């Protein structure tokens, strides 16, 4: 995984945009469970943020590394794109 961040300034608001690149996602012949790594990462980031937020002596500025949106770009070849998309969206309840 590769991590990049940038700060966007719009109307005085400065949100930090974190980009996580996962090369090779969906490239295997058998893509069964290829989203498990992504789901684990999303859950880990949420748990880390929640743990920091619930401490009694928390920092004033907790760095938010949670994932708020997932975009994935897969070459549309055959039905593999549909299977991966359906598999990933079926994990919504797990998050």
C-alpha atoms as a PDB file:
ATOM      1  CA  UNK A   1       0.000   0.000   0.000  1.00  0.00           C
ATOM      2  CA  UNK A   2       1.167   3.508  -0.754  1.00  0.00           C
ATOM      3  CA  UNK A   3       0.031   6.523   1.278  1.00  0.00           C
ATOM      4  CA  UNK A   4      -0.092  10.121   0.066  1.00  0.00           C
ATOM      5  CA  UNK A   5      -1.778  13.107   1.691  1.00  0.00           C
ATOM      6  CA  UNK A   6      -2.537  16.644   0.690  1.00  0.00           C
ATOM      7  CA  UNK A   7      -4.360  19.566   2.287  1.00  0.00           C
ATOM      8  CA  UNK A   8      -7.160  21.128   0.280  1.00  0.00           C
ATOM      9  CA  UNK A   9      -8.165  24.714   1.063  1.00  0.00           C
ATOM     10  CA  UNK A  10     -11.686  25.752   0.219  1.00  0.00           C
ATOM     11  CA  UNK A  11     -13.543  28.697   1.795  1.00  0.00           C
ATOM     12  CA  UNK A  12     -11.145  28.745   4.737  1.00  0.00           C
ATOM     13  CA  UNK A  13     -11.675  25.064   5.532  1.00  0.00           C
ATOM     14  CA  UNK A  14      -8.526  22.909   5.374  1.00  0.00           C
ATOM     15  CA  UNK A  15      -9.442  19.213   5.259  1.00  0.00           C
ATOM     16  CA  UNK A  16      -6.590  16.740   4.904  1.00  0.00           C
ATOM     17  CA  UNK A  17      -7.099  14.315   2.036  1.00  0.00           C
ATOM     18  CA  UNK A  18      -5.429  10.940   2.558  1.00  0.00           C
ATOM     19  CA  UNK A  19      -4.996   8.754  -0.501  1.00  0.00           C
ATOM     20  CA  UNK A  20      -4.244   5.053  -0.111  1.00  0.00           C
ATOM     21  CA  UNK A  21      -3.169   3.284  -3.280  1.00  0.00           C
ATOM     22  CA  UNK A  22      -3.453  -0.493  -3.395  1.00  0.00           C
ATOM     23  CA  UNK A  23      -1.697  -1.673  -6.560  1.00  0.00           C
ATOM     24  CA  UNK A  24      -2.703  -5.039  -7.954  1.00  0.00           C
ATOM     25  CA  UNK A  25      -6.187  -5.053  -6.428  1.00  0.00           C
ATOM     26  CA  UNK A  26      -8.382  -7.338  -8.524  1.00  0.00           C
ATOM     27  CA  UNK A  27      -5.570  -8.437 -10.838  1.00  0.00           C
ATOM     28  CA  UNK A  28      -5.468 -12.079  -9.762  1.00  0.00           C
ATOM     29  CA  UNK A  29      -7.216 -14.901 -11.575  1.00  0.00           C
ATOM     30  CA  UNK A  30      -9.030 -15.881  -8.370  1.00  0.00           C
ATOM     31  CA  UNK A  31     -10.142 -12.665  -6.677  1.00  0.00           C
ATOM     32  CA  UNK A  32     -11.993 -14.455  -3.877  1.00  0.00           C
ATOM     33  CA  UNK A  33     -11.533 -12.400  -0.719  1.00  0.00           C
ATOM     34  CA  UNK A  34      -9.226  -9.828  -2.331  1.00  0.00           C
ATOM     35  CA  UNK A  35     -11.067  -7.114  -0.406  1.00  0.00           C
ATOM     36  CA  UNK A  36     -10.213  -8.618   3.006  1.00  0.00           C
ATOM     37  CA  UNK A  37      -7.019  -6.547   3.265  1.00  0.00           C
ATOM     38  CA  UNK A  38      -8.942  -3.355   2.526  1.00  0.00           C
ATOM     39  CA  UNK A  39     -11.677  -4.179   5.052  1.00  0.00           C
ATOM     40  CA  UNK A  40      -9.046  -4.939   7.717  1.00  0.00           C
ATOM     41  CA  UNK A  41      -7.263  -1.635   7.036  1.00  0.00           C
ATOM     42  CA  UNK A  42     -10.525   0.343   7.263  1.00  0.00           C
ATOM     43  CA  UNK A  43     -11.454  -1.342  10.565  1.00  0.00           C
ATOM     44  CA  UNK A  44      -7.956  -0.810  11.993  1.00  0.00           C
ATOM     45  CA  UNK A  45      -8.036   2.911  11.172  1.00  0.00           C
ATOM     46  CA  UNK A  46     -11.462   3.304  12.754  1.00  0.00           C
ATOM     47  CA  UNK A  47     -10.373   1.436  15.904  1.00  0.00           C
ATOM     48  CA  UNK A  48      -7.220   3.547  16.227  1.00  0.00           C
ATOM     49  CA  UNK A  49      -9.186   6.792  15.935  1.00  0.00           C
ATOM     50  CA  UNK A  50     -11.853   5.620  18.376  1.00  0.00           C
ATOM     51  CA  UNK A  51      -9.223   4.522  20.903  1.00  0.00           C
ATOM     52  CA  UNK A  52      -7.552   7.968  20.755  1.00  0.00           C
ATOM     53  CA  UNK A  53     -10.905   9.748  21.008  1.00  0.00           C
ATOM     54  CA  UNK A  54     -12.039   7.785  24.077  1.00  0.00           C
ATOM     55  CA  UNK A  55      -8.933   8.414  26.187  1.00  0.00           C
ATOM     56  CA  UNK A  56      -9.374  10.774  29.112  1.00  0.00           C
ATOM     57  CA  UNK A  57      -6.256  12.820  28.267  1.00  0.00           C
ATOM     58  CA  UNK A  58      -6.729  13.070  24.499  1.00  0.00           C
ATOM     59  CA  UNK A  59      -4.901  15.428  22.176  1.00  0.00           C
ATOM     60  CA  UNK A  60      -6.639  18.589  21.009  1.00  0.00           C
ATOM     61  CA  UNK A  61      -6.066  17.613  17.393  1.00  0.00           C
ATOM     62  CA  UNK A  62      -6.492  13.909  16.703  1.00  0.00           C
ATOM     63  CA  UNK A  63      -5.225  13.066  13.231  1.00  0.00           C
ATOM     64  CA  UNK A  64      -8.131  11.453  11.400  1.00  0.00           C
ATOM     65  CA  UNK A  65      -6.783   8.596   9.287  1.00  0.00           C
ATOM     66  CA  UNK A  66     -10.154   6.890   8.865  1.00  0.00           C
ATOM     67  CA  UNK A  67     -11.388   6.002   5.402  1.00  0.00           C
ATOM     68  CA  UNK A  68     -14.455   8.034   4.461  1.00  0.00           C
ATOM     69  CA  UNK A  69     -14.749   7.056   0.804  1.00  0.00           C
ATOM     70  CA  UNK A  70     -13.464   4.175  -1.327  1.00  0.00           C
ATOM     71  CA  UNK A  71     -12.856   4.543  -5.039  1.00  0.00           C
ATOM     72  CA  UNK A  72     -11.541   1.593  -6.938  1.00  0.00           C
ATOM     73  CA  UNK A  73     -10.645   1.489 -10.599  1.00  0.00           C
ATOM     74  CA  UNK A  74     -10.643  -1.932 -12.231  1.00  0.00           C
ATOM     75  CA  UNK A  75     -10.312  -2.755 -15.897  1.00  0.00           C
ATOM     76  CA  UNK A  76     -13.782  -3.914 -17.005  1.00  0.00           C
ATOM     77  CA  UNK A  77     -12.905  -7.294 -18.472  1.00  0.00           C
ATOM     78  CA  UNK A  78     -15.670  -9.888 -18.457  1.00  0.00           C
ATOM     79  CA  UNK A  79     -17.578 -10.537 -15.229  1.00  0.00           C
ATOM     80  CA  UNK A  80     -14.613 -10.189 -12.857  1.00  0.00           C
ATOM     81  CA  UNK A  81     -15.362  -6.509 -12.279  1.00  0.00           C
ATOM     82  CA  UNK A  82     -18.949  -7.315 -11.297  1.00  0.00           C
ATOM     83  CA  UNK A  83     -17.856 -10.123  -8.926  1.00  0.00           C
ATOM     84  CA  UNK A  84     -15.281  -7.914  -7.170  1.00  0.00           C
ATOM     85  CA  UNK A  85     -17.727  -5.007  -6.882  1.00  0.00           C
ATOM     86  CA  UNK A  86     -20.461  -7.262  -5.487  1.00  0.00           C
ATOM     87  CA  UNK A  87     -18.011  -8.853  -3.071  1.00  0.00           C
ATOM     88  CA  UNK A  88     -16.770  -5.507  -1.780  1.00  0.00           C
ATOM     89  CA  UNK A  89     -20.230  -3.968  -1.455  1.00  0.00           C
ATOM     90  CA  UNK A  90     -21.471  -7.045   0.395  1.00  0.00           C
ATOM     91  CA  UNK A  91     -18.925  -6.196   3.116  1.00  0.00           C
ATOM     92  CA  UNK A  92     -20.752  -2.946   3.959  1.00  0.00           C
ATOM     93  CA  UNK A  93     -22.452  -4.606   6.901  1.00  0.00           C
ATOM     94  CA  UNK A  94     -19.075  -5.726   8.267  1.00  0.00           C
ATOM     95  CA  UNK A  95     -17.918  -2.135   8.587  1.00  0.00           C
END
